[in-house]
Amino acid sequence: MKFNKWILILALVALVLIVISIPKNTTSSLSKSQEDSLAVMKHRKDKDLSMKEQEDSPIRDKENFEGLHYYPFSSTWQIEFDLEKSDQVGKISIPMTDGTKEEMIYVGEISANLNGQAVRMKLYQHDNGDFFLPFKDKTAPTETYGGGRYLDIPLINLNGKKLKADFNLAYFPFCAYNPDYACPVPPASNQLNFSISAGEKF
């Protein structure tokens, strides 16, 4: 009995040593990626439900609506931008798809290296404080809406002059589903000459 007891103790010690030896940053990295993926999946599921049931949904045939389509989740498109705020943050007029103009809070510009290119885009802000990034890339108009896509970025993603944006959450404007809606047109600086294979697609 004593021999078996010591074997058990040694086995437990060996197990503890193995667990301790696993690099913490590796396990946490995998865990973070999985958490982000699950959060994006939940967001997409909630949006499908909203598009099917909400009164202000742009979907005309809600009865036969089976959900939106997306690119697979990819951590590659979780980007940290540098934010350069404008000296005069305030409301400016931006063009809409129906030819009208609408006022929106202009924050400044964000920059990063994407797809091997230096990118600089204009950033706006919703009244609730979250940021708004209208953009268009080379997936349009064959894989995504020809007028571009949008990305809402929570205010909590801002850390000093760094802003984290997750293009897995990029979405079509309402005018992509229903011409009765008017939507902001992405400015020329936000029209990219490469593909962002993340977020909503046809």
N, C-alpha and C. Protein backbone atom coordinates (compact mmCIF):
# COMPACT_ATOMS: atom_id res chain seq x y z
N MET A 1 0.83 -1.21 0.00
CA MET A 1 0.00 0.00 0.00
C MET A 1 0.86 1.25 0.00
N LYS A 2 1.94 1.21 0.77
CA LYS A 2 2.81 2.39 0.83
C LYS A 2 3.43 2.65 -0.53
N PHE A 3 3.81 1.56 -1.23
CA PHE A 3 4.44 1.71 -2.54
C PHE A 3 3.48 2.39 -3.51
N ASN A 4 2.21 1.93 -3.55
CA ASN A 4 1.19 2.51 -4.43
C ASN A 4 0.93 3.97 -4.10
N LYS A 5 0.98 4.29 -2.80
CA LYS A 5 0.74 5.67 -2.37
C LYS A 5 1.82 6.58 -2.93
N TRP A 6 3.07 6.17 -2.85
CA TRP A 6 4.18 7.01 -3.36
C TRP A 6 4.14 7.13 -4.87
N ILE A 7 3.73 6.05 -5.55
CA ILE A 7 3.58 6.11 -7.01
C ILE A 7 2.56 7.18 -7.39
N LEU A 8 1.44 7.22 -6.64
CA LEU A 8 0.39 8.19 -6.89
C LEU A 8 0.90 9.61 -6.68
N ILE A 9 1.64 9.81 -5.59
CA ILE A 9 2.18 11.14 -5.29
C ILE A 9 3.14 11.59 -6.38
N LEU A 10 4.02 10.70 -6.83
CA LEU A 10 4.97 11.04 -7.89
C LEU A 10 4.25 11.37 -9.19
N ALA A 11 3.19 10.64 -9.48
CA ALA A 11 2.42 10.89 -10.70
C ALA A 11 1.78 12.27 -10.66
N LEU A 12 1.24 12.64 -9.50
CA LEU A 12 0.62 13.95 -9.34
C LEU A 12 1.63 15.08 -9.49
N VAL A 13 2.82 14.87 -8.90
CA VAL A 13 3.90 15.88 -9.01
C VAL A 13 4.31 16.05 -10.47
N ALA A 14 4.43 14.94 -11.18
CA ALA A 14 4.80 14.99 -12.59
C ALA A 14 3.76 15.75 -13.41
N LEU A 15 2.49 15.51 -13.09
CA LEU A 15 1.39 16.20 -13.79
C LEU A 15 1.44 17.70 -13.56
N VAL A 16 1.68 18.09 -12.31
CA VAL A 16 1.79 19.52 -11.98
C VAL A 16 2.93 20.16 -12.74
N LEU A 17 4.08 19.47 -12.80
CA LEU A 17 5.24 20.01 -13.51
C LEU A 17 4.95 20.18 -15.00
N ILE A 18 4.20 19.25 -15.59
CA ILE A 18 3.85 19.34 -17.01
C ILE A 18 2.96 20.56 -17.26
N VAL A 19 1.97 20.74 -16.39
CA VAL A 19 1.04 21.89 -16.53
C VAL A 19 1.79 23.20 -16.39
N ILE A 20 2.70 23.27 -15.42
CA ILE A 20 3.47 24.49 -15.19
C ILE A 20 4.38 24.80 -16.38
N SER A 21 4.88 23.75 -17.04
CA SER A 21 5.83 23.95 -18.14
C SER A 21 5.18 24.43 -19.43
N ILE A 22 3.84 24.33 -19.54
CA ILE A 22 3.15 24.79 -20.75
C ILE A 22 3.23 26.31 -20.81
N PRO A 23 3.70 26.91 -21.92
CA PRO A 23 3.80 28.37 -22.02
C PRO A 23 2.46 29.04 -21.83
N LYS A 24 2.39 29.95 -20.89
CA LYS A 24 1.13 30.62 -20.58
C LYS A 24 0.63 31.46 -21.73
N ASN A 25 1.54 32.13 -22.44
CA ASN A 25 1.09 33.00 -23.53
C ASN A 25 0.48 32.21 -24.67
N THR A 26 0.92 30.95 -24.86
CA THR A 26 0.35 30.12 -25.92
C THR A 26 -1.08 29.74 -25.61
N THR A 27 -1.32 29.29 -24.38
CA THR A 27 -2.67 28.88 -24.01
C THR A 27 -3.60 30.07 -23.99
N SER A 28 -3.15 31.22 -23.50
CA SER A 28 -4.02 32.40 -23.44
C SER A 28 -4.32 32.91 -24.83
N SER A 29 -3.35 32.80 -25.75
CA SER A 29 -3.56 33.26 -27.13
C SER A 29 -4.65 32.44 -27.81
N LEU A 30 -4.56 31.12 -27.66
CA LEU A 30 -5.58 30.26 -28.23
C LEU A 30 -6.93 30.54 -27.62
N SER A 31 -6.97 30.74 -26.35
CA SER A 31 -8.22 31.02 -25.64
C SER A 31 -8.84 32.33 -26.12
N LYS A 32 -8.01 33.35 -26.30
CA LYS A 32 -8.51 34.64 -26.76
C LYS A 32 -9.10 34.54 -28.16
N SER A 33 -8.42 33.83 -29.04
CA SER A 33 -8.91 33.67 -30.41
C SER A 33 -10.24 32.93 -30.43
N GLN A 34 -10.34 31.90 -29.60
CA GLN A 34 -11.59 31.14 -29.52
C GLN A 34 -12.72 32.00 -28.96
N GLU A 35 -12.40 32.80 -27.94
CA GLU A 35 -13.41 33.69 -27.36
C GLU A 35 -13.89 34.71 -28.39
N ASP A 36 -12.96 35.28 -29.14
CA ASP A 36 -13.32 36.26 -30.16
C ASP A 36 -14.20 35.63 -31.23
N SER A 37 -13.84 34.41 -31.65
CA SER A 37 -14.61 33.71 -32.67
C SER A 37 -16.03 33.44 -32.19
N LEU A 38 -16.17 32.98 -30.95
CA LEU A 38 -17.49 32.69 -30.39
C LEU A 38 -18.31 33.97 -30.25
N ALA A 39 -17.67 35.08 -29.89
CA ALA A 39 -18.36 36.36 -29.76
C ALA A 39 -18.88 36.83 -31.11
N VAL A 40 -18.08 36.65 -32.15
CA VAL A 40 -18.50 37.03 -33.50
C VAL A 40 -19.66 36.15 -33.95
N MET A 41 -19.59 34.85 -33.69
CA MET A 41 -20.67 33.95 -34.05
C MET A 41 -21.98 34.33 -33.37
N LYS A 42 -21.90 34.71 -32.10
CA LYS A 42 -23.10 35.12 -31.36
C LYS A 42 -23.65 36.41 -31.94
N HIS A 43 -22.77 37.35 -32.27
CA HIS A 43 -23.19 38.61 -32.87
C HIS A 43 -23.95 38.36 -34.18
N ARG A 44 -23.43 37.45 -34.99
CA ARG A 44 -24.07 37.15 -36.26
C ARG A 44 -25.43 36.49 -36.07
N LYS A 45 -25.52 35.60 -35.10
CA LYS A 45 -26.78 34.93 -34.82
C LYS A 45 -27.82 35.93 -34.34
N ASP A 46 -27.42 36.85 -33.46
CA ASP A 46 -28.33 37.88 -32.95
C ASP A 46 -28.79 38.79 -34.08
N LYS A 47 -27.89 39.11 -35.00
CA LYS A 47 -28.26 39.99 -36.11
C LYS A 47 -29.26 39.31 -37.03
N ASP A 48 -29.06 38.02 -37.30
CA ASP A 48 -30.02 37.28 -38.13
C ASP A 48 -31.41 37.34 -37.52
N LEU A 49 -31.48 37.17 -36.21
CA LEU A 49 -32.76 37.21 -35.51
C LEU A 49 -33.39 38.60 -35.62
N SER A 50 -32.56 39.62 -35.46
CA SER A 50 -33.03 40.99 -35.55
C SER A 50 -33.54 41.31 -36.95
N MET A 51 -32.81 40.88 -37.98
CA MET A 51 -33.21 41.14 -39.36
C MET A 51 -34.51 40.44 -39.72
N LYS A 52 -34.78 39.34 -39.07
CA LYS A 52 -35.99 38.58 -39.36
C LYS A 52 -37.21 39.10 -38.58
N GLU A 53 -36.97 39.63 -37.38
CA GLU A 53 -38.10 39.95 -36.50
C GLU A 53 -38.36 41.43 -36.26
N GLN A 54 -37.34 42.27 -36.35
CA GLN A 54 -37.53 43.69 -36.03
C GLN A 54 -38.37 44.40 -37.09
N GLU A 55 -39.21 45.33 -36.64
CA GLU A 55 -40.08 46.06 -37.56
C GLU A 55 -39.30 46.93 -38.53
N ASP A 56 -38.18 47.51 -38.06
CA ASP A 56 -37.40 48.41 -38.92
C ASP A 56 -36.37 47.65 -39.77
N SER A 57 -36.47 46.33 -39.82
CA SER A 57 -35.55 45.53 -40.64
C SER A 57 -35.75 45.87 -42.11
N PRO A 58 -34.65 45.97 -42.89
CA PRO A 58 -34.77 46.27 -44.31
C PRO A 58 -35.16 45.05 -45.15
N ILE A 59 -35.18 43.87 -44.54
CA ILE A 59 -35.53 42.65 -45.27
C ILE A 59 -37.02 42.68 -45.61
N ARG A 60 -37.31 42.55 -46.88
CA ARG A 60 -38.71 42.62 -47.32
C ARG A 60 -39.45 41.29 -47.09
N ASP A 61 -38.82 40.21 -47.49
CA ASP A 61 -39.46 38.89 -47.36
C ASP A 61 -38.92 38.21 -46.09
N LYS A 62 -39.40 38.66 -44.95
CA LYS A 62 -38.91 38.12 -43.68
C LYS A 62 -39.28 36.64 -43.50
N GLU A 63 -40.39 36.24 -44.06
CA GLU A 63 -40.86 34.86 -43.87
C GLU A 63 -39.87 33.86 -44.45
N ASN A 64 -39.26 34.20 -45.58
CA ASN A 64 -38.32 33.28 -46.23
C ASN A 64 -36.86 33.62 -45.96
N PHE A 65 -36.62 34.58 -45.08
CA PHE A 65 -35.26 34.97 -44.74
C PHE A 65 -34.59 33.87 -43.90
N GLU A 66 -33.44 33.39 -44.35
CA GLU A 66 -32.76 32.29 -43.67
C GLU A 66 -31.43 32.70 -43.05
N GLY A 67 -31.12 33.99 -43.10
CA GLY A 67 -29.87 34.44 -42.48
C GLY A 67 -28.92 35.07 -43.49
N LEU A 68 -27.99 35.86 -42.97
CA LEU A 68 -27.00 36.52 -43.80
C LEU A 68 -25.81 35.59 -44.05
N HIS A 69 -24.93 35.99 -44.95
CA HIS A 69 -23.76 35.17 -45.27
C HIS A 69 -22.48 35.92 -44.88
N TYR A 70 -21.48 35.15 -44.46
CA TYR A 70 -20.25 35.76 -43.95
C TYR A 70 -19.02 34.97 -44.40
N TYR A 71 -17.89 35.68 -44.40
CA TYR A 71 -16.60 35.00 -44.54
C TYR A 71 -16.32 34.29 -43.20
N PRO A 72 -15.52 33.23 -43.22
CA PRO A 72 -15.14 32.58 -41.96
C PRO A 72 -14.37 33.56 -41.06
N PHE A 73 -14.51 33.40 -39.77
CA PHE A 73 -13.78 34.24 -38.82
C PHE A 73 -12.27 34.10 -39.03
N SER A 74 -11.58 35.23 -38.99
CA SER A 74 -10.12 35.20 -39.11
C SER A 74 -9.52 36.29 -38.23
N SER A 75 -8.62 35.89 -37.33
CA SER A 75 -7.97 36.85 -36.45
C SER A 75 -7.03 37.78 -37.23
N THR A 76 -6.72 37.41 -38.48
CA THR A 76 -5.87 38.25 -39.32
C THR A 76 -6.47 39.64 -39.51
N TRP A 77 -7.80 39.69 -39.51
CA TRP A 77 -8.48 40.96 -39.77
C TRP A 77 -8.91 41.67 -38.50
N GLN A 78 -8.29 41.35 -37.40
CA GLN A 78 -8.43 42.13 -36.17
C GLN A 78 -7.22 43.07 -36.14
N ILE A 79 -7.46 44.33 -36.45
CA ILE A 79 -6.39 45.28 -36.72
C ILE A 79 -6.30 46.36 -35.64
N GLU A 80 -5.08 46.68 -35.26
CA GLU A 80 -4.86 47.80 -34.34
C GLU A 80 -4.40 49.01 -35.16
N PHE A 81 -5.21 50.05 -35.16
CA PHE A 81 -4.90 51.27 -35.91
C PHE A 81 -4.31 52.33 -34.99
N ASP A 82 -3.56 53.24 -35.59
CA ASP A 82 -3.15 54.46 -34.91
C ASP A 82 -4.20 55.52 -35.20
N LEU A 83 -4.67 56.19 -34.18
CA LEU A 83 -5.70 57.23 -34.35
C LEU A 83 -5.08 58.61 -34.23
N GLU A 84 -5.33 59.41 -35.23
CA GLU A 84 -4.90 60.81 -35.23
C GLU A 84 -6.16 61.68 -35.27
N LYS A 85 -6.51 62.23 -34.12
CA LYS A 85 -7.73 63.02 -34.04
C LYS A 85 -7.58 64.35 -34.77
N SER A 86 -8.68 64.79 -35.34
CA SER A 86 -8.70 66.07 -36.04
C SER A 86 -8.60 67.21 -35.02
N ASP A 87 -7.99 68.31 -35.43
CA ASP A 87 -7.90 69.48 -34.56
C ASP A 87 -9.29 70.06 -34.28
N GLN A 88 -10.21 69.80 -35.20
CA GLN A 88 -11.57 70.32 -35.05
C GLN A 88 -12.57 69.17 -35.20
N VAL A 89 -12.72 68.42 -34.11
CA VAL A 89 -13.69 67.33 -34.10
C VAL A 89 -15.09 67.93 -34.03
N GLY A 90 -15.93 67.57 -34.98
CA GLY A 90 -17.29 68.11 -35.02
C GLY A 90 -18.07 67.51 -36.17
N LYS A 91 -19.29 67.97 -36.36
CA LYS A 91 -20.15 67.41 -37.39
C LYS A 91 -19.83 67.99 -38.77
N ILE A 92 -19.80 67.09 -39.75
CA ILE A 92 -19.60 67.50 -41.13
C ILE A 92 -20.67 66.82 -41.98
N SER A 93 -20.89 67.31 -43.17
CA SER A 93 -21.88 66.73 -44.08
C SER A 93 -21.21 65.67 -44.94
N ILE A 94 -21.83 64.50 -45.01
CA ILE A 94 -21.30 63.44 -45.87
C ILE A 94 -22.38 63.03 -46.86
N PRO A 95 -21.99 62.64 -48.08
CA PRO A 95 -22.98 62.26 -49.11
C PRO A 95 -23.65 60.93 -48.80
N MET A 96 -24.91 60.84 -49.20
CA MET A 96 -25.70 59.62 -49.03
C MET A 96 -25.96 59.00 -50.39
N THR A 97 -26.39 57.74 -50.39
CA THR A 97 -26.61 57.00 -51.63
C THR A 97 -27.75 57.57 -52.47
N ASP A 98 -28.65 58.33 -51.86
CA ASP A 98 -29.77 58.90 -52.62
C ASP A 98 -29.48 60.31 -53.10
N GLY A 99 -28.24 60.77 -52.94
CA GLY A 99 -27.87 62.09 -53.41
C GLY A 99 -28.00 63.19 -52.36
N THR A 100 -28.58 62.88 -51.22
CA THR A 100 -28.71 63.86 -50.14
C THR A 100 -27.43 63.87 -49.31
N LYS A 101 -27.41 64.69 -48.28
CA LYS A 101 -26.28 64.73 -47.36
C LYS A 101 -26.79 64.62 -45.93
N GLU A 102 -25.93 64.09 -45.08
CA GLU A 102 -26.30 63.90 -43.68
C GLU A 102 -25.12 64.30 -42.80
N GLU A 103 -25.43 64.88 -41.66
CA GLU A 103 -24.36 65.29 -40.76
C GLU A 103 -23.89 64.11 -39.90
N MET A 104 -22.58 64.03 -39.74
CA MET A 104 -22.00 62.98 -38.90
C MET A 104 -20.76 63.54 -38.22
N ILE A 105 -20.48 63.04 -37.04
CA ILE A 105 -19.32 63.51 -36.28
C ILE A 105 -18.04 62.96 -36.91
N TYR A 106 -17.17 63.86 -37.34
CA TYR A 106 -15.88 63.46 -37.90
C TYR A 106 -14.83 63.50 -36.79
N VAL A 107 -14.15 62.37 -36.59
CA VAL A 107 -13.18 62.24 -35.50
C VAL A 107 -11.77 62.55 -35.95
N GLY A 108 -11.38 61.97 -37.07
CA GLY A 108 -10.00 62.12 -37.55
C GLY A 108 -9.67 60.98 -38.48
N GLU A 109 -8.41 60.54 -38.48
CA GLU A 109 -7.98 59.48 -39.38
C GLU A 109 -7.28 58.35 -38.61
N ILE A 110 -7.47 57.15 -39.12
CA ILE A 110 -6.79 55.99 -38.54
C ILE A 110 -5.83 55.42 -39.60
N SER A 111 -4.72 54.91 -39.15
CA SER A 111 -3.73 54.39 -40.09
C SER A 111 -3.15 53.07 -39.58
N ALA A 112 -2.76 52.23 -40.53
CA ALA A 112 -2.14 50.94 -40.21
C ALA A 112 -1.56 50.38 -41.50
N ASN A 113 -0.80 49.30 -41.35
CA ASN A 113 -0.27 48.60 -42.51
C ASN A 113 -1.16 47.39 -42.77
N LEU A 114 -1.90 47.42 -43.87
CA LEU A 114 -2.81 46.33 -44.21
C LEU A 114 -2.42 45.74 -45.56
N ASN A 115 -2.35 44.44 -45.60
CA ASN A 115 -2.05 43.75 -46.85
C ASN A 115 -0.75 44.28 -47.48
N GLY A 116 0.19 44.67 -46.64
CA GLY A 116 1.48 45.18 -47.12
C GLY A 116 1.44 46.61 -47.60
N GLN A 117 0.33 47.31 -47.31
CA GLN A 117 0.20 48.69 -47.76
C GLN A 117 -0.09 49.61 -46.57
N ALA A 118 0.40 50.83 -46.67
CA ALA A 118 0.08 51.84 -45.67
C ALA A 118 -1.31 52.38 -45.98
N VAL A 119 -2.21 52.24 -45.02
CA VAL A 119 -3.61 52.65 -45.22
C VAL A 119 -3.95 53.76 -44.24
N ARG A 120 -4.69 54.74 -44.75
CA ARG A 120 -5.13 55.86 -43.91
C ARG A 120 -6.59 56.15 -44.25
N MET A 121 -7.48 56.01 -43.25
CA MET A 121 -8.91 56.16 -43.51
C MET A 121 -9.56 57.17 -42.56
N LYS A 122 -10.63 57.77 -43.05
CA LYS A 122 -11.38 58.73 -42.23
C LYS A 122 -12.28 57.96 -41.27
N LEU A 123 -12.38 58.47 -40.05
CA LEU A 123 -13.17 57.82 -39.00
C LEU A 123 -14.24 58.78 -38.48
N TYR A 124 -15.43 58.23 -38.28
CA TYR A 124 -16.56 59.02 -37.79
C TYR A 124 -17.02 58.44 -36.45
N GLN A 125 -18.02 59.08 -35.87
CA GLN A 125 -18.49 58.65 -34.56
C GLN A 125 -20.01 58.75 -34.48
N HIS A 126 -20.61 57.70 -33.90
CA HIS A 126 -22.05 57.72 -33.66
C HIS A 126 -22.35 58.62 -32.45
N ASP A 127 -23.61 58.98 -32.31
CA ASP A 127 -24.02 59.82 -31.18
C ASP A 127 -23.80 59.12 -29.84
N ASN A 128 -23.79 57.76 -29.85
CA ASN A 128 -23.60 57.02 -28.60
C ASN A 128 -22.13 56.91 -28.19
N GLY A 129 -21.23 57.47 -29.02
CA GLY A 129 -19.81 57.46 -28.69
C GLY A 129 -18.99 56.43 -29.44
N ASP A 130 -19.65 55.36 -29.94
CA ASP A 130 -18.91 54.35 -30.70
C ASP A 130 -18.47 54.92 -32.05
N PHE A 131 -17.42 54.35 -32.60
CA PHE A 131 -16.87 54.85 -33.87
C PHE A 131 -17.55 54.17 -35.06
N PHE A 132 -17.48 54.86 -36.19
CA PHE A 132 -18.12 54.37 -37.42
C PHE A 132 -17.13 54.49 -38.57
N LEU A 133 -16.87 53.33 -39.23
CA LEU A 133 -15.92 53.29 -40.32
C LEU A 133 -16.59 52.75 -41.59
N PRO A 134 -16.98 53.63 -42.51
CA PRO A 134 -17.48 53.16 -43.80
C PRO A 134 -16.31 52.89 -44.73
N PHE A 135 -16.29 51.77 -45.42
CA PHE A 135 -15.16 51.45 -46.29
C PHE A 135 -15.64 50.60 -47.48
N LYS A 136 -14.79 50.55 -48.48
CA LYS A 136 -15.06 49.73 -49.66
C LYS A 136 -13.75 49.09 -50.08
N ASP A 137 -13.80 47.83 -50.45
CA ASP A 137 -12.58 47.13 -50.85
C ASP A 137 -12.83 46.34 -52.11
N LYS A 138 -11.84 45.59 -52.56
CA LYS A 138 -11.91 44.91 -53.84
C LYS A 138 -12.87 43.71 -53.87
N THR A 139 -13.45 43.36 -52.74
CA THR A 139 -14.47 42.31 -52.77
C THR A 139 -15.76 42.83 -53.38
N ALA A 140 -15.92 44.15 -53.44
CA ALA A 140 -17.11 44.76 -54.04
C ALA A 140 -16.86 44.97 -55.54
N PRO A 141 -17.84 44.72 -56.41
CA PRO A 141 -19.21 44.32 -56.10
C PRO A 141 -19.49 42.83 -56.28
N THR A 142 -18.46 42.02 -56.49
CA THR A 142 -18.69 40.60 -56.79
C THR A 142 -18.98 39.75 -55.56
N GLU A 143 -18.29 40.04 -54.45
CA GLU A 143 -18.47 39.24 -53.24
C GLU A 143 -19.22 39.99 -52.15
N THR A 144 -19.13 41.31 -52.18
CA THR A 144 -19.81 42.13 -51.19
C THR A 144 -20.57 43.25 -51.88
N TYR A 145 -21.36 43.98 -51.12
CA TYR A 145 -22.19 45.06 -51.67
C TYR A 145 -21.33 46.10 -52.39
N GLY A 146 -21.76 46.49 -53.59
CA GLY A 146 -20.99 47.41 -54.41
C GLY A 146 -20.79 48.79 -53.81
N GLY A 147 -21.68 49.18 -52.91
CA GLY A 147 -21.56 50.49 -52.29
C GLY A 147 -20.63 50.52 -51.09
N GLY A 148 -20.09 49.37 -50.72
CA GLY A 148 -19.18 49.30 -49.57
C GLY A 148 -19.82 48.68 -48.35
N ARG A 149 -19.04 48.59 -47.30
CA ARG A 149 -19.52 48.02 -46.04
C ARG A 149 -19.21 48.97 -44.89
N TYR A 150 -19.76 48.64 -43.73
CA TYR A 150 -19.58 49.49 -42.55
C TYR A 150 -18.98 48.66 -41.41
N LEU A 151 -18.35 49.37 -40.49
CA LEU A 151 -17.82 48.74 -39.29
C LEU A 151 -18.05 49.66 -38.11
N ASP A 152 -18.75 49.15 -37.11
CA ASP A 152 -18.94 49.89 -35.85
C ASP A 152 -17.86 49.43 -34.88
N ILE A 153 -17.17 50.39 -34.28
CA ILE A 153 -16.07 50.07 -33.37
C ILE A 153 -16.39 50.63 -31.99
N PRO A 154 -16.55 49.78 -30.98
CA PRO A 154 -16.89 50.26 -29.63
C PRO A 154 -15.86 51.25 -29.09
N LEU A 155 -16.35 52.24 -28.37
CA LEU A 155 -15.46 53.25 -27.78
C LEU A 155 -14.43 52.61 -26.85
N ILE A 156 -14.82 51.49 -26.22
CA ILE A 156 -13.90 50.82 -25.29
C ILE A 156 -12.70 50.20 -26.00
N ASN A 157 -12.75 50.13 -27.34
CA ASN A 157 -11.61 49.60 -28.10
C ASN A 157 -10.50 50.63 -28.28
N LEU A 158 -10.77 51.86 -27.80
CA LEU A 158 -9.75 52.91 -27.90
C LEU A 158 -8.88 52.89 -26.66
N ASN A 159 -7.57 52.80 -26.88
CA ASN A 159 -6.61 52.80 -25.78
C ASN A 159 -5.54 53.84 -26.10
N GLY A 160 -5.71 55.03 -25.57
CA GLY A 160 -4.79 56.12 -25.90
C GLY A 160 -4.97 56.52 -27.35
N LYS A 161 -3.94 56.30 -28.15
CA LYS A 161 -4.02 56.61 -29.58
C LYS A 161 -4.12 55.35 -30.43
N LYS A 162 -4.43 54.23 -29.79
CA LYS A 162 -4.57 52.96 -30.49
C LYS A 162 -6.05 52.55 -30.51
N LEU A 163 -6.51 52.11 -31.67
CA LEU A 163 -7.90 51.71 -31.82
C LEU A 163 -7.97 50.34 -32.48
N LYS A 164 -8.57 49.37 -31.77
CA LYS A 164 -8.70 48.02 -32.31
C LYS A 164 -10.00 47.89 -33.10
N ALA A 165 -9.87 47.39 -34.32
CA ALA A 165 -11.04 47.20 -35.19
C ALA A 165 -11.08 45.74 -35.65
N ASP A 166 -12.28 45.16 -35.60
CA ASP A 166 -12.46 43.76 -36.00
C ASP A 166 -13.30 43.70 -37.27
N PHE A 167 -12.65 43.48 -38.42
CA PHE A 167 -13.37 43.46 -39.69
C PHE A 167 -14.24 42.22 -39.85
N ASN A 168 -14.13 41.28 -38.93
CA ASN A 168 -15.06 40.14 -38.93
C ASN A 168 -16.49 40.61 -38.66
N LEU A 169 -16.63 41.81 -38.15
CA LEU A 169 -17.94 42.37 -37.83
C LEU A 169 -18.41 43.37 -38.89
N ALA A 170 -17.70 43.45 -40.02
CA ALA A 170 -18.10 44.36 -41.10
C ALA A 170 -19.47 43.92 -41.65
N TYR A 171 -20.31 44.89 -41.98
CA TYR A 171 -21.67 44.56 -42.40
C TYR A 171 -22.14 45.44 -43.56
N PHE A 172 -23.18 44.97 -44.26
CA PHE A 172 -23.79 45.73 -45.34
C PHE A 172 -24.68 46.83 -44.77
N PRO A 173 -24.77 47.97 -45.45
CA PRO A 173 -25.75 48.98 -45.04
C PRO A 173 -27.17 48.52 -45.42
N PHE A 174 -28.16 49.11 -44.81
CA PHE A 174 -29.54 48.72 -45.07
C PHE A 174 -29.92 48.89 -46.54
N CYS A 175 -29.31 49.87 -47.22
CA CYS A 175 -29.68 50.10 -48.62
C CYS A 175 -29.23 48.95 -49.52
N ALA A 176 -28.41 48.05 -49.01
CA ALA A 176 -28.01 46.87 -49.79
C ALA A 176 -29.17 45.90 -49.93
N TYR A 177 -30.11 45.94 -48.99
CA TYR A 177 -31.26 45.03 -49.02
C TYR A 177 -32.53 45.71 -49.50
N ASN A 178 -32.57 47.04 -49.35
CA ASN A 178 -33.82 47.75 -49.62
C ASN A 178 -33.51 49.16 -50.13
N PRO A 179 -33.90 49.50 -51.37
CA PRO A 179 -33.59 50.81 -51.94
C PRO A 179 -34.33 51.97 -51.28
N ASP A 180 -35.27 51.65 -50.41
CA ASP A 180 -35.98 52.72 -49.70
C ASP A 180 -35.09 53.39 -48.66
N TYR A 181 -33.96 52.78 -48.34
CA TYR A 181 -33.03 53.33 -47.36
C TYR A 181 -31.92 54.11 -48.06
N ALA A 182 -31.46 55.17 -47.40
CA ALA A 182 -30.30 55.94 -47.88
C ALA A 182 -29.16 55.71 -46.89
N CYS A 183 -27.95 55.52 -47.43
CA CYS A 183 -26.81 55.17 -46.57
C CYS A 183 -25.60 56.04 -46.90
N PRO A 184 -24.73 56.28 -45.91
CA PRO A 184 -23.51 57.06 -46.15
C PRO A 184 -22.59 56.39 -47.17
N VAL A 185 -22.00 57.19 -48.03
CA VAL A 185 -21.06 56.70 -49.04
C VAL A 185 -19.64 56.77 -48.47
N PRO A 186 -18.87 55.68 -48.52
CA PRO A 186 -17.49 55.73 -48.02
C PRO A 186 -16.68 56.78 -48.78
N PRO A 187 -15.91 57.61 -48.07
CA PRO A 187 -15.09 58.62 -48.75
C PRO A 187 -13.99 57.96 -49.58
N ALA A 188 -13.40 58.72 -50.48
CA ALA A 188 -12.37 58.18 -51.39
C ALA A 188 -11.21 57.56 -50.63
N SER A 189 -10.82 58.15 -49.50
CA SER A 189 -9.69 57.63 -48.72
C SER A 189 -9.99 56.25 -48.12
N ASN A 190 -11.28 55.91 -48.00
CA ASN A 190 -11.68 54.64 -47.39
C ASN A 190 -12.01 53.58 -48.43
N GLN A 191 -11.68 53.86 -49.69
CA GLN A 191 -11.90 52.89 -50.77
C GLN A 191 -10.57 52.23 -51.10
N LEU A 192 -10.42 51.00 -50.67
CA LEU A 192 -9.13 50.30 -50.71
C LEU A 192 -8.95 49.50 -51.99
N ASN A 193 -7.70 49.35 -52.43
CA ASN A 193 -7.41 48.63 -53.68
C ASN A 193 -7.00 47.18 -53.44
N PHE A 194 -7.44 46.61 -52.32
CA PHE A 194 -7.22 45.20 -52.04
C PHE A 194 -8.45 44.64 -51.34
N SER A 195 -8.50 43.34 -51.19
CA SER A 195 -9.68 42.67 -50.62
C SER A 195 -9.55 42.48 -49.12
N ILE A 196 -10.66 42.71 -48.43
CA ILE A 196 -10.77 42.36 -47.01
C ILE A 196 -11.79 41.22 -46.92
N SER A 197 -11.27 40.01 -46.85
CA SER A 197 -12.12 38.82 -46.85
C SER A 197 -12.59 38.49 -45.44
N ALA A 198 -13.38 39.40 -44.90
CA ALA A 198 -13.89 39.24 -43.54
C ALA A 198 -15.23 39.95 -43.44
N GLY A 199 -16.07 39.47 -42.55
CA GLY A 199 -17.36 40.11 -42.35
C GLY A 199 -18.43 39.59 -43.30
N GLU A 200 -19.43 40.41 -43.54
CA GLU A 200 -20.58 40.00 -44.34
C GLU A 200 -20.23 39.95 -45.83
N LYS A 201 -20.84 39.00 -46.53
CA LYS A 201 -20.68 38.86 -47.97
C LYS A 201 -21.99 38.38 -48.56
N PHE A 202 -22.05 38.30 -49.90
CA PHE A 202 -23.25 37.80 -50.58
C PHE A 202 -23.41 36.31 -50.33
